[in-house]
Amino acid sequence: MSIAKAGQLMLVDAGEYVSYQIIGLYRVLQDFDPTRVLAKYLKVHPEERENGRFNGYGYMMMLAREGWIEPVPHANLFLSTNYRASGISFDPQLGDSE
């Protein structure tokens, strides 16, 4: 059992290779077991148990709505595409709370 600890920063990502994406940076507000909370989420959304049907964004919204996590405003430094120094970019407001 892995517990997300209150106060811990949690980077949420999904996918692999071409579909890889960073969902966001969150602060854990209270200790919780993500797998146990997922089981609770899937009871309400049983159709998402099937491969390819899981809505990670819905799960994340539930975590935020129920007070487990909150988004953390942060900046993003993108280092490059194809190892080109000219590809570096900086976004000072990525992840600002909506």
PDB file of N, CA and C in Angstrom:
ATOM      1  N   MET A   1       0.845  -1.171   0.000  1.00  0.00           N
ATOM      2  CA  MET A   1       0.000   0.000   0.000  1.00  0.00           C
ATOM      3  C   MET A   1       0.898   1.244   0.000  1.00  0.00           C
ATOM      4  N   SER A   2       0.651   2.132  -0.948  1.00  0.00           N
ATOM      5  CA  SER A   2       1.396   3.381  -1.045  1.00  0.00           C
ATOM      6  C   SER A   2       0.477   4.531  -0.670  1.00  0.00           C
ATOM      7  N   ILE A   3       0.936   5.360   0.234  1.00  0.00           N
ATOM      8  CA  ILE A   3       0.123   6.470   0.742  1.00  0.00           C
ATOM      9  C   ILE A   3       0.690   7.793   0.233  1.00  0.00           C
ATOM     10  N   ALA A   4      -0.185   8.619  -0.317  1.00  0.00           N
ATOM     11  CA  ALA A   4       0.171  10.000  -0.642  1.00  0.00           C
ATOM     12  C   ALA A   4       0.068  10.775   0.674  1.00  0.00           C
ATOM     13  N   LYS A   5       1.137  11.444   1.059  1.00  0.00           N
ATOM     14  CA  LYS A   5       1.212  12.100   2.363  1.00  0.00           C
ATOM     15  C   LYS A   5       0.837  13.577   2.274  1.00  0.00           C
ATOM     16  N   ALA A   6       0.094  14.052   3.258  1.00  0.00           N
ATOM     17  CA  ALA A   6      -0.301  15.457   3.332  1.00  0.00           C
ATOM     18  C   ALA A   6       0.940  16.351   3.246  1.00  0.00           C
ATOM     19  N   GLY A   7       0.854  17.387   2.429  1.00  0.00           N
ATOM     20  CA  GLY A   7       1.961  18.324   2.246  1.00  0.00           C
ATOM     21  C   GLY A   7       2.877  17.954   1.090  1.00  0.00           C
ATOM     22  N   GLN A   8       2.825  16.717   0.660  1.00  0.00           N
ATOM     23  CA  GLN A   8       3.680  16.234  -0.430  1.00  0.00           C
ATOM     24  C   GLN A   8       3.227  16.833  -1.763  1.00  0.00           C
ATOM     25  N   LEU A   9       4.193  17.136  -2.633  1.00  0.00           N
ATOM     26  CA  LEU A   9       3.865  17.537  -3.995  1.00  0.00           C
ATOM     27  C   LEU A   9       3.756  16.276  -4.840  1.00  0.00           C
ATOM     28  N   MET A  10       2.767  16.258  -5.734  1.00  0.00           N
ATOM     29  CA  MET A  10       2.514  15.083  -6.548  1.00  0.00           C
ATOM     30  C   MET A  10       2.411  15.507  -8.014  1.00  0.00           C
ATOM     31  N   LEU A  11       3.337  15.015  -8.833  1.00  0.00           N
ATOM     32  CA  LEU A  11       3.286  15.245 -10.268  1.00  0.00           C
ATOM     33  C   LEU A  11       2.431  14.143 -10.873  1.00  0.00           C
ATOM     34  N   VAL A  12       1.405  14.526 -11.620  1.00  0.00           N
ATOM     35  CA  VAL A  12       0.502  13.554 -12.226  1.00  0.00           C
ATOM     36  C   VAL A  12       0.781  13.513 -13.719  1.00  0.00           C
ATOM     37  N   ASP A  13       1.061  12.306 -14.229  1.00  0.00           N
ATOM     38  CA  ASP A  13       1.316  12.130 -15.655  1.00  0.00           C
ATOM     39  C   ASP A  13       0.550  10.920 -16.162  1.00  0.00           C
ATOM     40  N   ALA A  14       0.486  10.788 -17.476  1.00  0.00           N
ATOM     41  CA  ALA A  14      -0.261   9.687 -18.087  1.00  0.00           C
ATOM     42  C   ALA A  14       0.302   9.386 -19.468  1.00  0.00           C
ATOM     43  N   GLY A  15      -0.021   8.214 -19.977  1.00  0.00           N
ATOM     44  CA  GLY A  15       0.365   7.832 -21.325  1.00  0.00           C
ATOM     45  C   GLY A  15       1.788   7.328 -21.408  1.00  0.00           C
ATOM     46  N   GLU A  16       2.195   7.031 -22.632  1.00  0.00           N
ATOM     47  CA  GLU A  16       3.560   6.599 -22.877  1.00  0.00           C
ATOM     48  C   GLU A  16       3.948   6.982 -24.300  1.00  0.00           C
ATOM     49  N   TYR A  17       5.224   7.146 -24.502  1.00  0.00           N
ATOM     50  CA  TYR A  17       5.779   7.520 -25.798  1.00  0.00           C
ATOM     51  C   TYR A  17       5.063   8.742 -26.363  1.00  0.00           C
ATOM     52  N   VAL A  18       4.432   8.630 -27.510  1.00  0.00           N
ATOM     53  CA  VAL A  18       3.812   9.776 -28.183  1.00  0.00           C
ATOM     54  C   VAL A  18       2.644  10.346 -27.378  1.00  0.00           C
ATOM     55  N   SER A  19       1.933   9.514 -26.647  1.00  0.00           N
ATOM     56  CA  SER A  19       0.766  10.004 -25.899  1.00  0.00           C
ATOM     57  C   SER A  19       1.124  10.489 -24.491  1.00  0.00           C
ATOM     58  N   TYR A  20       2.411  10.462 -24.127  1.00  0.00           N
ATOM     59  CA  TYR A  20       2.808  10.886 -22.780  1.00  0.00           C
ATOM     60  C   TYR A  20       2.462  12.351 -22.559  1.00  0.00           C
ATOM     61  N   GLN A  21       1.910  12.625 -21.376  1.00  0.00           N
ATOM     62  CA  GLN A  21       1.596  14.007 -21.019  1.00  0.00           C
ATOM     63  C   GLN A  21       1.678  14.197 -19.512  1.00  0.00           C
ATOM     64  N   ILE A  22       2.032  15.394 -19.123  1.00  0.00           N
ATOM     65  CA  ILE A  22       2.007  15.768 -17.713  1.00  0.00           C
ATOM     66  C   ILE A  22       0.660  16.431 -17.476  1.00  0.00           C
ATOM     67  N   ILE A  23      -0.098  15.902 -16.540  1.00  0.00           N
ATOM     68  CA  ILE A  23      -1.428  16.436 -16.237  1.00  0.00           C
ATOM     69  C   ILE A  23      -1.302  17.692 -15.378  1.00  0.00           C
ATOM     70  N   GLY A  24      -0.426  17.652 -14.383  1.00  0.00           N
ATOM     71  CA  GLY A  24      -0.247  18.824 -13.536  1.00  0.00           C
ATOM     72  C   GLY A  24       0.482  18.503 -12.248  1.00  0.00           C
ATOM     73  N   LEU A  25       0.725  19.547 -11.494  1.00  0.00           N
ATOM     74  CA  LEU A  25       1.382  19.453 -10.201  1.00  0.00           C
ATOM     75  C   LEU A  25       0.339  19.752  -9.131  1.00  0.00           C
ATOM     76  N   TYR A  26       0.273  18.875  -8.121  1.00  0.00           N
ATOM     77  CA  TYR A  26      -0.747  18.990  -7.085  1.00  0.00           C
ATOM     78  C   TYR A  26      -0.111  18.870  -5.707  1.00  0.00           C
ATOM     79  N   ARG A  27      -0.743  19.465  -4.717  1.00  0.00           N
ATOM     80  CA  ARG A  27      -0.340  19.312  -3.322  1.00  0.00           C
ATOM     81  C   ARG A  27      -1.351  18.381  -2.658  1.00  0.00           C
ATOM     82  N   VAL A  28      -0.847  17.395  -1.935  1.00  0.00           N
ATOM     83  CA  VAL A  28      -1.709  16.474  -1.196  1.00  0.00           C
ATOM     84  C   VAL A  28      -2.160  17.182   0.077  1.00  0.00           C
ATOM     85  N   LEU A  29      -3.461  17.230   0.299  1.00  0.00           N
ATOM     86  CA  LEU A  29      -4.023  17.945   1.447  1.00  0.00           C
ATOM     87  C   LEU A  29      -4.214  17.052   2.665  1.00  0.00           C
ATOM     88  N   GLN A  30      -4.428  15.776   2.442  1.00  0.00           N
ATOM     89  CA  GLN A  30      -4.563  14.821   3.539  1.00  0.00           C
ATOM     90  C   GLN A  30      -4.079  13.459   3.057  1.00  0.00           C
ATOM     91  N   ASP A  31      -3.523  12.679   3.954  1.00  0.00           N
ATOM     92  CA  ASP A  31      -3.022  11.354   3.589  1.00  0.00           C
ATOM     93  C   ASP A  31      -4.122  10.537   2.915  1.00  0.00           C
ATOM     94  N   PHE A  32      -3.760   9.848   1.840  1.00  0.00           N
ATOM     95  CA  PHE A  32      -4.714   8.932   1.202  1.00  0.00           C
ATOM     96  C   PHE A  32      -3.976   7.906   0.365  1.00  0.00           C
ATOM     97  N   ASP A  33      -4.653   6.804   0.135  1.00  0.00           N
ATOM     98  CA  ASP A  33      -4.154   5.731  -0.721  1.00  0.00           C
ATOM     99  C   ASP A  33      -4.831   5.897  -2.078  1.00  0.00           C
ATOM    100  N   PRO A  34      -4.094   6.313  -3.120  1.00  0.00           N
ATOM    101  CA  PRO A  34      -4.705   6.546  -4.433  1.00  0.00           C
ATOM    102  C   PRO A  34      -5.449   5.330  -4.984  1.00  0.00           C
ATOM    103  N   THR A  35      -4.982   4.129  -4.693  1.00  0.00           N
ATOM    104  CA  THR A  35      -5.640   2.925  -5.199  1.00  0.00           C
ATOM    105  C   THR A  35      -6.992   2.717  -4.512  1.00  0.00           C
ATOM    106  N   ARG A  36      -7.047   2.967  -3.220  1.00  0.00           N
ATOM    107  CA  ARG A  36      -8.323   2.834  -2.502  1.00  0.00           C
ATOM    108  C   ARG A  36      -9.331   3.874  -2.964  1.00  0.00           C
ATOM    109  N   VAL A  37      -8.876   5.096  -3.159  1.00  0.00           N
ATOM    110  CA  VAL A  37      -9.781   6.151  -3.609  1.00  0.00           C
ATOM    111  C   VAL A  37     -10.226   5.859  -5.044  1.00  0.00           C
ATOM    112  N   LEU A  38      -9.351   5.276  -5.854  1.00  0.00           N
ATOM    113  CA  LEU A  38      -9.731   4.875  -7.214  1.00  0.00           C
ATOM    114  C   LEU A  38     -10.852   3.838  -7.164  1.00  0.00           C
ATOM    115  N   ALA A  39     -10.770   2.878  -6.253  1.00  0.00           N
ATOM    116  CA  ALA A  39     -11.826   1.866  -6.127  1.00  0.00           C
ATOM    117  C   ALA A  39     -13.170   2.531  -5.831  1.00  0.00           C
ATOM    118  N   LYS A  40     -13.143   3.549  -4.985  1.00  0.00           N
ATOM    119  CA  LYS A  40     -14.364   4.303  -4.670  1.00  0.00           C
ATOM    120  C   LYS A  40     -14.889   5.012  -5.924  1.00  0.00           C
ATOM    121  N   TYR A  41     -13.981   5.612  -6.688  1.00  0.00           N
ATOM    122  CA  TYR A  41     -14.356   6.297  -7.928  1.00  0.00           C
ATOM    123  C   TYR A  41     -14.992   5.309  -8.915  1.00  0.00           C
ATOM    124  N   LEU A  42     -14.404   4.125  -9.054  1.00  0.00           N
ATOM    125  CA  LEU A  42     -14.891   3.135 -10.018  1.00  0.00           C
ATOM    126  C   LEU A  42     -16.240   2.538  -9.617  1.00  0.00           C
ATOM    127  N   LYS A  43     -16.594   2.588  -8.353  1.00  0.00           N
ATOM    128  CA  LYS A  43     -17.928   2.151  -7.941  1.00  0.00           C
ATOM    129  C   LYS A  43     -18.993   3.056  -8.538  1.00  0.00           C
ATOM    130  N   VAL A  44     -18.658   4.333  -8.653  1.00  0.00           N
ATOM    131  CA  VAL A  44     -19.590   5.312  -9.218  1.00  0.00           C
ATOM    132  C   VAL A  44     -19.523   5.290 -10.752  1.00  0.00           C
ATOM    133  N   HIS A  45     -18.373   4.902 -11.304  1.00  0.00           N
ATOM    134  CA  HIS A  45     -18.153   4.883 -12.757  1.00  0.00           C
ATOM    135  C   HIS A  45     -17.676   3.491 -13.197  1.00  0.00           C
ATOM    136  N   PRO A  46     -18.499   2.456 -13.051  1.00  0.00           N
ATOM    137  CA  PRO A  46     -18.048   1.088 -13.343  1.00  0.00           C
ATOM    138  C   PRO A  46     -17.646   0.872 -14.803  1.00  0.00           C
ATOM    139  N   GLU A  47     -18.201   1.642 -15.709  1.00  0.00           N
ATOM    140  CA  GLU A  47     -17.848   1.504 -17.130  1.00  0.00           C
ATOM    141  C   GLU A  47     -16.377   1.828 -17.384  1.00  0.00           C
ATOM    142  N   GLU A  48     -15.741   2.560 -16.476  1.00  0.00           N
ATOM    143  CA  GLU A  48     -14.341   2.951 -16.660  1.00  0.00           C
ATOM    144  C   GLU A  48     -13.366   1.852 -16.239  1.00  0.00           C
ATOM    145  N   ARG A  49     -13.869   0.730 -15.753  1.00  0.00           N
ATOM    146  CA  ARG A  49     -13.002  -0.409 -15.424  1.00  0.00           C
ATOM    147  C   ARG A  49     -12.430  -1.053 -16.685  1.00  0.00           C
ATOM    148  N   GLU A  50     -13.147  -0.930 -17.787  1.00  0.00           N
ATOM    149  CA  GLU A  50     -12.710  -1.529 -19.050  1.00  0.00           C
ATOM    150  C   GLU A  50     -11.467  -0.817 -19.580  1.00  0.00           C
ATOM    151  N   ASN A  51     -10.580  -1.592 -20.194  1.00  0.00           N
ATOM    152  CA  ASN A  51      -9.380  -1.008 -20.789  1.00  0.00           C
ATOM    153  C   ASN A  51      -9.770   0.051 -21.811  1.00  0.00           C
ATOM    154  N   GLY A  52      -9.084   1.182 -21.748  1.00  0.00           N
ATOM    155  CA  GLY A  52      -9.330   2.266 -22.690  1.00  0.00           C
ATOM    156  C   GLY A  52     -10.489   3.170 -22.322  1.00  0.00           C
ATOM    157  N   ARG A  53     -11.158   2.910 -21.207  1.00  0.00           N
ATOM    158  CA  ARG A  53     -12.326   3.702 -20.829  1.00  0.00           C
ATOM    159  C   ARG A  53     -12.097   4.588 -19.609  1.00  0.00           C
ATOM    160  N   PHE A  54     -10.953   4.433 -18.939  1.00  0.00           N
ATOM    161  CA  PHE A  54     -10.697   5.186 -17.714  1.00  0.00           C
ATOM    162  C   PHE A  54     -10.517   6.670 -18.009  1.00  0.00           C
ATOM    163  N   ASN A  55     -11.263   7.507 -17.279  1.00  0.00           N
ATOM    164  CA  ASN A  55     -11.181   8.961 -17.425  1.00  0.00           C
ATOM    165  C   ASN A  55     -10.343   9.516 -16.268  1.00  0.00           C
ATOM    166  N   GLY A  56      -9.044   9.604 -16.494  1.00  0.00           N
ATOM    167  CA  GLY A  56      -8.149  10.105 -15.462  1.00  0.00           C
ATOM    168  C   GLY A  56      -8.500  11.502 -14.993  1.00  0.00           C
ATOM    169  N   TYR A  57      -8.998  12.327 -15.906  1.00  0.00           N
ATOM    170  CA  TYR A  57      -9.372  13.689 -15.518  1.00  0.00           C
ATOM    171  C   TYR A  57     -10.560  13.677 -14.555  1.00  0.00           C
ATOM    172  N   GLY A  58     -11.512  12.774 -14.781  1.00  0.00           N
ATOM    173  CA  GLY A  58     -12.647  12.642 -13.872  1.00  0.00           C
ATOM    174  C   GLY A  58     -12.186  12.229 -12.476  1.00  0.00           C
ATOM    175  N   TYR A  59     -11.247  11.299 -12.436  1.00  0.00           N
ATOM    176  CA  TYR A  59     -10.678  10.843 -11.166  1.00  0.00           C
ATOM    177  C   TYR A  59      -9.964  11.998 -10.456  1.00  0.00           C
ATOM    178  N   MET A  60      -9.178  12.767 -11.188  1.00  0.00           N
ATOM    179  CA  MET A  60      -8.464  13.899 -10.600  1.00  0.00           C
ATOM    180  C   MET A  60      -9.450  14.960 -10.084  1.00  0.00           C
ATOM    181  N   MET A  61     -10.517  15.204 -10.835  1.00  0.00           N
ATOM    182  CA  MET A  61     -11.516  16.179 -10.380  1.00  0.00           C
ATOM    183  C   MET A  61     -12.173  15.707  -9.089  1.00  0.00           C
ATOM    184  N   MET A  62     -12.417  14.391  -8.977  1.00  0.00           N
ATOM    185  CA  MET A  62     -12.988  13.863  -7.748  1.00  0.00           C
ATOM    186  C   MET A  62     -12.018  14.049  -6.582  1.00  0.00           C
ATOM    187  N   LEU A  63     -10.728  13.786  -6.811  1.00  0.00           N
ATOM    188  CA  LEU A  63      -9.731  13.977  -5.748  1.00  0.00           C
ATOM    189  C   LEU A  63      -9.729  15.420  -5.255  1.00  0.00           C
ATOM    190  N   ALA A  64      -9.808  16.364  -6.189  1.00  0.00           N
ATOM    191  CA  ALA A  64      -9.817  17.787  -5.815  1.00  0.00           C
ATOM    192  C   ALA A  64     -11.131  18.159  -5.120  1.00  0.00           C
ATOM    193  N   ARG A  65     -12.240  17.718  -5.672  1.00  0.00           N
ATOM    194  CA  ARG A  65     -13.558  18.052  -5.124  1.00  0.00           C
ATOM    195  C   ARG A  65     -13.728  17.522  -3.696  1.00  0.00           C
ATOM    196  N   GLU A  66     -13.164  16.331  -3.438  1.00  0.00           N
ATOM    197  CA  GLU A  66     -13.310  15.734  -2.110  1.00  0.00           C
ATOM    198  C   GLU A  66     -12.209  16.171  -1.138  1.00  0.00           C
ATOM    199  N   GLY A  67     -11.344  17.090  -1.562  1.00  0.00           N
ATOM    200  CA  GLY A  67     -10.357  17.665  -0.657  1.00  0.00           C
ATOM    201  C   GLY A  67      -9.100  16.845  -0.428  1.00  0.00           C
ATOM    202  N   TRP A  68      -8.799  15.917  -1.328  1.00  0.00           N
ATOM    203  CA  TRP A  68      -7.566  15.124  -1.203  1.00  0.00           C
ATOM    204  C   TRP A  68      -6.363  15.897  -1.748  1.00  0.00           C
ATOM    205  N   ILE A  69      -6.580  16.678  -2.811  1.00  0.00           N
ATOM    206  CA  ILE A  69      -5.487  17.393  -3.486  1.00  0.00           C
ATOM    207  C   ILE A  69      -5.937  18.793  -3.890  1.00  0.00           C
ATOM    208  N   GLU A  70      -4.948  19.642  -4.214  1.00  0.00           N
ATOM    209  CA  GLU A  70      -5.229  20.945  -4.820  1.00  0.00           C
ATOM    210  C   GLU A  70      -4.146  21.223  -5.856  1.00  0.00           C
ATOM    211  N   PRO A  71      -4.506  21.894  -6.961  1.00  0.00           N
ATOM    212  CA  PRO A  71      -3.497  22.225  -7.960  1.00  0.00           C
ATOM    213  C   PRO A  71      -2.498  23.233  -7.400  1.00  0.00           C
ATOM    214  N   VAL A  72      -1.261  23.143  -7.856  1.00  0.00           N
ATOM    215  CA  VAL A  72      -0.200  24.042  -7.417  1.00  0.00           C
ATOM    216  C   VAL A  72       0.224  24.907  -8.604  1.00  0.00           C
ATOM    217  N   PRO A  73       0.056  26.231  -8.497  1.00  0.00           N
ATOM    218  CA  PRO A  73       0.559  27.094  -9.559  1.00  0.00           C
ATOM    219  C   PRO A  73       2.070  26.884  -9.707  1.00  0.00           C
ATOM    220  N   HIS A  74       2.518  26.798 -10.932  1.00  0.00           N
ATOM    221  CA  HIS A  74       3.942  26.553 -11.171  1.00  0.00           C
ATOM    222  C   HIS A  74       4.328  27.036 -12.567  1.00  0.00           C
ATOM    223  N   ALA A  75       5.604  27.196 -12.749  1.00  0.00           N
ATOM    224  CA  ALA A  75       6.159  27.547 -14.062  1.00  0.00           C
ATOM    225  C   ALA A  75       6.649  26.268 -14.736  1.00  0.00           C
ATOM    226  N   ASN A  76       6.879  26.337 -16.035  1.00  0.00           N
ATOM    227  CA  ASN A  76       7.384  25.187 -16.771  1.00  0.00           C
ATOM    228  C   ASN A  76       8.565  25.612 -17.648  1.00  0.00           C
ATOM    229  N   LEU A  77       9.647  24.886 -17.518  1.00  0.00           N
ATOM    230  CA  LEU A  77      10.810  25.083 -18.387  1.00  0.00           C
ATOM    231  C   LEU A  77      10.876  23.885 -19.314  1.00  0.00           C
ATOM    232  N   PHE A  78      10.594  24.099 -20.597  1.00  0.00           N
ATOM    233  CA  PHE A  78      10.660  23.044 -21.609  1.00  0.00           C
ATOM    234  C   PHE A  78      12.058  23.082 -22.208  1.00  0.00           C
ATOM    235  N   LEU A  79      12.789  21.991 -22.072  1.00  0.00           N
ATOM    236  CA  LEU A  79      14.198  22.017 -22.461  1.00  0.00           C
ATOM    237  C   LEU A  79      14.450  21.953 -23.948  1.00  0.00           C
ATOM    238  N   SER A  80      13.669  21.205 -24.696  1.00  0.00           N
ATOM    239  CA  SER A  80      13.982  21.156 -26.121  1.00  0.00           C
ATOM    240  C   SER A  80      13.196  20.072 -26.824  1.00  0.00           C
ATOM    241  N   THR A  81      13.104  20.196 -28.113  1.00  0.00           N
ATOM    242  CA  THR A  81      12.633  19.140 -28.990  1.00  0.00           C
ATOM    243  C   THR A  81      13.819  18.731 -29.845  1.00  0.00           C
ATOM    244  N   ASN A  82      14.061  17.463 -29.939  1.00  0.00           N
ATOM    245  CA  ASN A  82      15.157  16.932 -30.770  1.00  0.00           C
ATOM    246  C   ASN A  82      16.519  17.495 -30.377  1.00  0.00           C
ATOM    247  N   TYR A  83      16.702  17.769 -29.086  1.00  0.00           N
ATOM    248  CA  TYR A  83      18.009  18.172 -28.545  1.00  0.00           C
ATOM    249  C   TYR A  83      18.560  19.444 -29.179  1.00  0.00           C
ATOM    250  N   ARG A  84      17.682  20.392 -29.510  1.00  0.00           N
ATOM    251  CA  ARG A  84      18.122  21.673 -30.061  1.00  0.00           C
ATOM    252  C   ARG A  84      18.054  22.734 -28.980  1.00  0.00           C
ATOM    253  N   ALA A  85      19.154  23.446 -28.768  1.00  0.00           N
ATOM    254  CA  ALA A  85      19.178  24.521 -27.766  1.00  0.00           C
ATOM    255  C   ALA A  85      18.155  25.596 -28.091  1.00  0.00           C
ATOM    256  N   SER A  86      17.863  25.800 -29.357  1.00  0.00           N
ATOM    257  CA  SER A  86      16.906  26.832 -29.756  1.00  0.00           C
ATOM    258  C   SER A  86      15.466  26.440 -29.407  1.00  0.00           C
ATOM    259  N   GLY A  87      15.258  25.207 -28.967  1.00  0.00           N
ATOM    260  CA  GLY A  87      13.917  24.744 -28.650  1.00  0.00           C
ATOM    261  C   GLY A  87      13.476  25.010 -27.222  1.00  0.00           C
ATOM    262  N   ILE A  88      14.336  25.639 -26.425  1.00  0.00           N
ATOM    263  CA  ILE A  88      13.988  25.900 -25.031  1.00  0.00           C
ATOM    264  C   ILE A  88      12.914  26.985 -24.946  1.00  0.00           C
ATOM    265  N   SER A  89      11.938  26.760 -24.061  1.00  0.00           N
ATOM    266  CA  SER A  89      10.906  27.773 -23.817  1.00  0.00           C
ATOM    267  C   SER A  89      10.537  27.768 -22.341  1.00  0.00           C
ATOM    268  N   PHE A  90      10.013  28.886 -21.884  1.00  0.00           N
ATOM    269  CA  PHE A  90       9.626  29.035 -20.484  1.00  0.00           C
ATOM    270  C   PHE A  90       8.223  29.593 -20.403  1.00  0.00           C
ATOM    271  N   ASP A  91       7.365  28.966 -19.624  1.00  0.00           N
ATOM    272  CA  ASP A  91       6.005  29.436 -19.390  1.00  0.00           C
ATOM    273  C   ASP A  91       5.879  29.750 -17.896  1.00  0.00           C
ATOM    274  N   PRO A  92       5.840  31.035 -17.522  1.00  0.00           N
ATOM    275  CA  PRO A  92       5.837  31.396 -16.102  1.00  0.00           C
ATOM    276  C   PRO A  92       4.519  31.142 -15.386  1.00  0.00           C
ATOM    277  N   GLN A  93       3.436  30.840 -16.099  1.00  0.00           N
ATOM    278  CA  GLN A  93       2.135  30.731 -15.448  1.00  0.00           C
ATOM    279  C   GLN A  93       1.469  29.376 -15.634  1.00  0.00           C
ATOM    280  N   LEU A  94       2.155  28.385 -16.092  1.00  0.00           N
ATOM    281  CA  LEU A  94       1.558  27.066 -16.285  1.00  0.00           C
ATOM    282  C   LEU A  94       1.060  26.545 -14.954  1.00  0.00           C
ATOM    283  N   GLY A  95      -0.154  26.016 -14.950  1.00  0.00           N
ATOM    284  CA  GLY A  95      -0.670  25.409 -13.746  1.00  0.00           C
ATOM    285  C   GLY A  95      -1.312  26.378 -12.773  1.00  0.00           C
ATOM    286  N   ASP A  96      -1.480  27.646 -13.155  1.00  0.00           N
ATOM    287  CA  ASP A  96      -2.169  28.578 -12.254  1.00  0.00           C
ATOM    288  C   ASP A  96      -3.566  28.050 -11.966  1.00  0.00           C
ATOM    289  N   SER A  97      -4.004  28.207 -10.756  1.00  0.00           N
ATOM    290  CA  SER A  97      -5.325  27.728 -10.357  1.00  0.00           C
ATOM    291  C   SER A  97      -6.394  28.422 -11.189  1.00  0.00           C
ATOM    292  N   GLU A  98      -7.373  27.594 -11.597  1.00  0.00           N
ATOM    293  CA  GLU A  98      -8.479  28.137 -12.395  1.00  0.00           C
ATOM    294  C   GLU A  98      -9.439  28.874 -11.507  1.00  0.00           C
TER     295      GLU A  98
END
